[in-house]
Amino acid sequence: MRSYVPGYQLRVPANLEEALALLAESGQPWRPFAGGTDLMVLLEAGKLPHTRYVSLWGLDALTGIIVSEDEIVMRALTTYAQIRAHDVLAAEFPLLGAAARETGGIATQNRGTLGGNIANASPAADTPPALLVYDASLDLVSVRGARRVPYAAFHTGYKTMDLAPDELIAAVRLPRRRAWTRQDYRKVGTRRAQAISKVCFAGALAVDGGVVRDVRLAFGSVAPISMRALRAEDAIRGKRLDSSTVAAAEGALLRDIAPIDDVRSTARYRATVALNLMSRFLTMG
């Protein structure tokens, strides 16, 4: 059953300050509406629970990609299409571009936003594993001020976040100048395009003299939140990438992840695919 559209309100603020003031109002809360690619699906299905929304689309303070010597700042309304088209992101953060290419179709990539993808808090989202690999941080803003949190600490459980009701994600920051020897991004879904992931993987290795000096292994759809496989990373870091190291990482990964059975897949399948994706990455030339 479709939603009754006249039962919803959408305010269009002139600037970020006005948007934050609306979110801070007492009483029935206002909720942010960015690209709307997730919310419109719920609206069409008659399952959009809240009725009062603040449109963020087009706000200058939330728009644009800023490159400095030390970092890249992607403001919250940065779209997947903009990520794909950005030369510095493509050169230095290829996993994020790969995730953007895997997200929906062209229409979704033109409208869907990075901030909205994060705030939707789906464990099956495509960009979070890449953000975890790149040690992203988030700028959060409200009428009370601004704060910065590591992205790795932002999602606290299934659909729960370190984000107050009156706060917005203003920007995503990626530190530059980290040299990775090898990077890979893989998404496994029911079909080759426009699918929700059954398992999503992003990995990066820094190898020096045959020894792994640093490693990031991140997954989606294998736990209540997108997560780094910290035990598997510890089994690899400081070691040579031989068969015994890979075997140790595989054993550790099974202790890191907690896949479930749902309508898209089974826990057993997800665990098997996660192992295969990681092992392939560790042994690729």
Protein backbone atom coordinates (compact mmCIF):
# COMPACT_ATOMS: atom_id res chain seq x y z
CA MET A 1 0.00 0.00 0.00
CA ARG A 2 1.37 3.41 -0.94
CA SER A 3 1.76 6.25 1.53
CA TYR A 4 -0.75 9.09 1.70
CA VAL A 5 1.51 11.87 0.38
CA PRO A 6 -0.54 14.84 1.75
CA GLY A 7 0.12 13.41 5.20
CA TYR A 8 3.81 14.33 4.93
CA GLN A 9 5.55 17.68 5.32
CA LEU A 10 8.79 18.73 3.63
CA ARG A 11 10.45 22.01 4.61
CA VAL A 12 13.09 23.57 2.35
CA PRO A 13 15.43 25.72 4.48
CA ALA A 14 17.44 28.56 2.94
CA ASN A 15 20.68 27.53 4.61
CA LEU A 16 22.28 25.05 7.00
CA GLU A 17 21.56 27.19 10.06
CA GLU A 18 17.83 27.14 9.32
CA ALA A 19 17.93 23.37 8.78
CA LEU A 20 19.67 22.80 12.10
CA ALA A 21 17.16 25.05 13.87
CA LEU A 22 14.30 22.91 12.55
CA LEU A 23 16.01 19.70 13.71
CA ALA A 24 16.44 21.24 17.17
CA GLU A 25 12.74 22.10 17.60
CA SER A 26 10.97 20.37 20.46
CA GLY A 27 7.84 18.32 19.95
CA GLN A 28 7.27 16.16 16.90
CA PRO A 29 10.74 15.84 15.38
CA TRP A 30 11.86 16.88 11.93
CA ARG A 31 14.05 14.39 10.06
CA PRO A 32 16.68 15.13 7.39
CA PHE A 33 15.95 14.35 3.74
CA ALA A 34 19.03 14.36 1.50
CA GLY A 35 19.00 12.55 -1.86
CA GLY A 36 15.95 10.54 -0.85
CA THR A 37 16.97 7.33 -2.63
CA ASP A 38 16.23 5.23 0.46
CA LEU A 39 13.33 7.27 1.83
CA MET A 40 11.40 7.33 -1.45
CA VAL A 41 11.47 3.53 -1.59
CA LEU A 42 9.86 3.44 1.86
CA LEU A 43 7.36 6.11 0.85
CA GLU A 44 6.31 4.15 -2.24
CA ALA A 45 5.89 1.01 -0.13
CA GLY A 46 3.82 2.80 2.51
CA LYS A 47 6.49 2.19 5.15
CA LEU A 48 7.98 5.65 5.72
CA PRO A 49 7.40 6.07 9.46
CA HIS A 50 8.12 9.75 10.07
CA THR A 51 6.04 12.49 8.48
CA ARG A 52 8.07 15.72 8.89
CA TYR A 53 11.24 16.17 6.84
CA VAL A 54 13.83 18.88 6.23
CA SER A 55 15.24 18.95 2.69
CA LEU A 56 19.02 19.30 2.67
CA TRP A 57 19.36 19.12 -1.11
CA GLY A 58 21.28 22.06 -2.54
CA LEU A 59 22.54 23.53 0.73
CA ASP A 60 25.92 25.09 -0.08
CA ALA A 61 27.44 24.20 3.30
CA LEU A 62 26.85 20.50 2.61
CA THR A 63 27.97 20.50 -1.03
CA GLY A 64 31.38 20.01 -2.61
CA ILE A 65 34.67 18.12 -2.42
CA ILE A 66 37.65 19.99 -0.96
CA VAL A 67 41.23 18.82 -1.53
CA SER A 68 44.06 19.95 0.75
CA GLU A 69 47.58 18.71 1.28
CA ASP A 70 46.64 16.45 4.18
CA GLU A 71 43.10 15.32 3.48
CA ILE A 72 40.08 15.25 1.22
CA VAL A 73 36.81 16.55 2.63
CA MET A 74 33.65 15.28 0.97
CA ARG A 75 30.70 17.24 2.19
CA ALA A 76 27.64 15.21 3.05
CA LEU A 77 25.67 15.84 -0.17
CA THR A 78 28.49 14.50 -2.36
CA THR A 79 26.85 12.03 -4.73
CA TYR A 80 28.15 8.70 -5.96
CA ALA A 81 28.46 10.20 -9.44
CA GLN A 82 30.64 13.01 -8.09
CA ILE A 83 32.85 10.50 -6.30
CA ARG A 84 33.26 8.51 -9.51
CA ALA A 85 34.19 11.61 -11.50
CA HIS A 86 36.75 13.06 -9.06
CA ASP A 87 40.35 12.62 -10.25
CA VAL A 88 42.05 12.71 -6.83
CA LEU A 89 39.59 10.26 -5.31
CA ALA A 90 40.09 7.94 -8.27
CA ALA A 91 43.87 8.08 -7.92
CA GLU A 92 44.26 7.88 -4.14
CA PHE A 93 41.04 6.25 -2.89
CA PRO A 94 40.03 3.78 -5.63
CA LEU A 95 38.00 1.58 -3.28
CA LEU A 96 35.54 4.40 -2.70
CA GLY A 97 35.09 4.88 -6.44
CA ALA A 98 34.56 1.15 -6.86
CA ALA A 99 31.89 1.22 -4.13
CA ALA A 100 30.18 4.19 -5.82
CA ARG A 101 30.06 2.29 -9.12
CA GLU A 102 28.40 -0.66 -7.37
CA THR A 103 25.67 1.46 -5.76
CA GLY A 104 22.37 1.20 -7.62
CA GLY A 105 21.97 2.46 -11.16
CA ILE A 106 22.81 5.78 -12.80
CA ALA A 107 19.75 7.54 -11.36
CA THR A 108 20.67 6.48 -7.83
CA GLN A 109 24.30 7.47 -8.34
CA ASN A 110 23.24 10.93 -9.53
CA ARG A 111 20.96 11.54 -6.55
CA GLY A 112 22.18 9.34 -3.70
CA THR A 113 24.56 11.01 -1.23
CA LEU A 114 27.48 9.80 0.82
CA GLY A 115 26.08 11.33 4.01
CA GLY A 116 22.71 9.71 3.40
CA ASN A 117 24.31 6.32 2.79
CA ILE A 118 26.10 6.57 6.13
CA ALA A 119 23.06 7.84 8.05
CA ASN A 120 20.82 5.12 6.61
CA ALA A 121 23.04 2.78 8.64
CA SER A 122 22.48 -0.36 6.61
CA PRO A 123 25.05 -3.12 7.27
CA ALA A 124 24.72 -3.96 3.55
CA ALA A 125 25.67 -0.45 2.34
CA ASP A 126 28.40 -0.31 -0.30
CA THR A 127 30.57 2.63 0.78
CA PRO A 128 31.21 1.89 4.50
CA PRO A 129 33.84 -0.86 4.02
CA ALA A 130 35.88 1.52 1.85
CA LEU A 131 35.53 4.31 4.42
CA LEU A 132 36.76 1.95 7.14
CA VAL A 133 39.81 0.97 5.09
CA TYR A 134 40.69 4.64 4.58
CA ASP A 135 40.31 5.63 8.26
CA ALA A 136 37.57 8.13 7.52
CA SER A 137 36.21 10.54 10.11
CA LEU A 138 32.90 12.42 10.22
CA ASP A 139 32.07 16.04 10.99
CA LEU A 140 28.77 16.26 12.87
CA VAL A 141 26.95 19.57 13.36
CA SER A 142 23.96 20.89 15.32
CA VAL A 143 22.84 24.17 16.87
CA ARG A 144 24.98 23.15 19.85
CA GLY A 145 28.18 23.13 17.81
CA ALA A 146 30.36 20.72 15.86
CA ARG A 147 32.31 17.58 16.68
CA ARG A 148 34.38 15.01 14.85
CA VAL A 149 34.18 11.25 15.32
CA PRO A 150 36.15 8.39 13.76
CA TYR A 151 33.90 6.59 11.31
CA ALA A 152 34.95 3.27 12.84
CA ALA A 153 33.19 4.31 16.07
CA PHE A 154 30.12 5.92 14.50
CA HIS A 155 27.87 2.86 14.04
CA THR A 156 27.16 1.40 17.46
CA GLY A 157 24.76 -1.41 16.50
CA TYR A 158 22.16 -2.35 13.93
CA LYS A 159 20.67 0.94 12.67
CA THR A 160 22.09 2.82 15.68
CA MET A 161 24.69 5.59 15.49
CA ASP A 162 26.62 8.11 17.53
CA LEU A 163 24.35 10.82 16.11
CA ALA A 164 21.94 12.89 18.19
CA PRO A 165 18.44 13.62 16.80
CA ASP A 166 19.37 17.26 16.22
CA GLU A 167 22.70 16.48 14.49
CA LEU A 168 23.60 16.16 10.84
CA ILE A 169 26.56 14.55 9.13
CA ALA A 170 28.23 17.58 7.55
CA ALA A 171 31.29 16.01 5.92
CA VAL A 172 33.45 12.92 5.54
CA ARG A 173 37.23 13.34 5.86
CA LEU A 174 39.85 11.04 4.32
CA PRO A 175 43.50 11.44 5.34
CA ARG A 176 45.92 11.48 2.39
CA ARG A 177 49.47 10.24 1.77
CA ARG A 178 49.09 6.64 2.90
CA ALA A 179 50.80 4.35 0.40
CA TRP A 180 49.10 0.99 -0.18
CA THR A 181 50.79 -1.76 -2.15
CA ARG A 182 47.54 -3.53 -2.99
CA GLN A 183 43.86 -2.62 -2.80
CA ASP A 184 40.68 -4.46 -3.76
CA TYR A 185 36.92 -3.99 -3.53
CA ARG A 186 34.38 -6.73 -4.18
CA LYS A 187 30.62 -6.94 -3.87
CA VAL A 188 28.65 -10.17 -4.14
CA GLY A 189 24.92 -9.89 -4.79
CA THR A 190 22.09 -11.81 -6.38
CA ARG A 191 22.85 -10.26 -9.76
CA ARG A 192 25.69 -8.30 -11.32
CA ALA A 193 24.10 -4.85 -11.00
CA GLN A 194 21.62 -2.93 -8.81
CA ALA A 195 21.67 -5.56 -6.07
CA ILE A 196 21.83 -5.31 -2.30
CA SER A 197 25.03 -7.00 -1.21
CA LYS A 198 25.14 -10.44 0.30
CA VAL A 199 28.77 -9.77 1.19
CA CYS A 200 30.88 -6.70 0.54
CA PHE A 201 34.67 -6.53 0.99
CA ALA A 202 37.31 -3.80 0.88
CA GLY A 203 40.97 -4.48 1.58
CA ALA A 204 44.33 -2.71 1.50
CA LEU A 205 47.86 -3.96 2.14
CA ALA A 206 51.17 -2.16 2.61
CA VAL A 207 54.02 -4.62 2.00
CA ASP A 208 57.71 -3.83 2.50
CA GLY A 209 60.42 -6.40 1.85
CA GLY A 210 57.81 -9.14 1.64
CA VAL A 211 56.42 -8.31 5.11
CA VAL A 212 52.98 -6.82 5.71
CA ARG A 213 53.58 -3.48 7.41
CA ASP A 214 49.92 -2.46 7.52
CA VAL A 215 46.59 -3.97 6.54
CA ARG A 216 42.89 -3.09 6.46
CA LEU A 217 40.19 -5.72 5.92
CA ALA A 218 36.60 -4.44 6.03
CA PHE A 219 33.29 -6.17 5.36
CA GLY A 220 29.62 -5.40 4.91
CA SER A 221 26.63 -7.73 5.38
CA VAL A 222 28.43 -10.11 7.74
CA ALA A 223 27.62 -8.38 11.06
CA PRO A 224 25.04 -5.92 12.46
CA ILE A 225 27.27 -3.08 11.18
CA SER A 226 29.97 -2.75 8.55
CA MET A 227 33.15 -3.73 10.35
CA ARG A 228 36.88 -4.22 10.18
CA ALA A 229 38.15 -7.76 10.71
CA LEU A 230 40.61 -6.79 13.43
CA ARG A 231 41.58 -10.34 14.44
CA ALA A 232 42.29 -11.24 10.84
CA GLU A 233 44.34 -8.06 10.44
CA ASP A 234 46.38 -8.92 13.54
CA ALA A 235 47.07 -12.39 12.11
CA ILE A 236 48.62 -10.77 9.02
CA ARG A 237 50.33 -7.60 10.22
CA GLY A 238 54.09 -8.04 10.56
CA LYS A 239 54.05 -11.40 8.80
CA ARG A 240 55.03 -12.71 5.38
CA LEU A 241 52.06 -13.54 3.19
CA ASP A 242 52.63 -17.28 2.95
CA SER A 243 50.09 -20.08 3.17
CA SER A 244 50.35 -20.36 6.95
CA THR A 245 49.65 -16.64 7.40
CA VAL A 246 46.63 -16.81 5.10
CA ALA A 247 45.34 -19.85 6.99
CA ALA A 248 45.73 -18.03 10.30
CA ALA A 249 43.84 -15.04 8.89
CA GLU A 250 41.02 -17.30 7.71
CA GLY A 251 40.63 -18.79 11.16
CA ALA A 252 40.67 -15.34 12.72
CA LEU A 253 38.08 -14.01 10.27
CA LEU A 254 35.54 -16.59 11.39
CA ARG A 255 35.88 -15.14 14.90
CA ASP A 256 35.50 -11.57 13.60
CA ILE A 257 32.27 -11.89 11.64
CA ALA A 258 28.72 -12.77 12.71
CA PRO A 259 26.65 -13.38 9.55
CA ILE A 260 22.96 -14.22 9.75
CA ASP A 261 20.31 -15.97 7.67
CA ASP A 262 17.91 -13.55 6.00
CA VAL A 263 15.86 -13.19 2.82
CA ARG A 264 18.94 -12.47 0.70
CA SER A 265 21.29 -15.21 1.86
CA THR A 266 22.37 -17.63 4.58
CA ALA A 267 24.95 -17.25 7.31
CA ARG A 268 26.90 -20.21 5.94
CA TYR A 269 27.05 -18.74 2.44
CA ARG A 270 28.11 -15.33 3.74
CA ALA A 271 30.90 -16.83 5.85
CA THR A 272 32.16 -18.88 2.89
CA VAL A 273 32.12 -15.90 0.53
CA ALA A 274 33.81 -13.62 3.09
CA LEU A 275 36.63 -16.18 3.46
CA ASN A 276 36.98 -16.52 -0.29
CA LEU A 277 37.09 -12.77 -0.89
CA MET A 278 39.72 -12.22 1.77
CA SER A 279 41.84 -15.18 0.69
CA ARG A 280 41.69 -14.10 -2.94
CA PHE A 281 42.84 -10.62 -1.96
CA LEU A 282 45.72 -11.90 0.17
CA THR A 283 47.01 -14.25 -2.50
CA MET A 284 46.50 -12.11 -5.61
CA GLY A 285 49.66 -11.01 -7.43
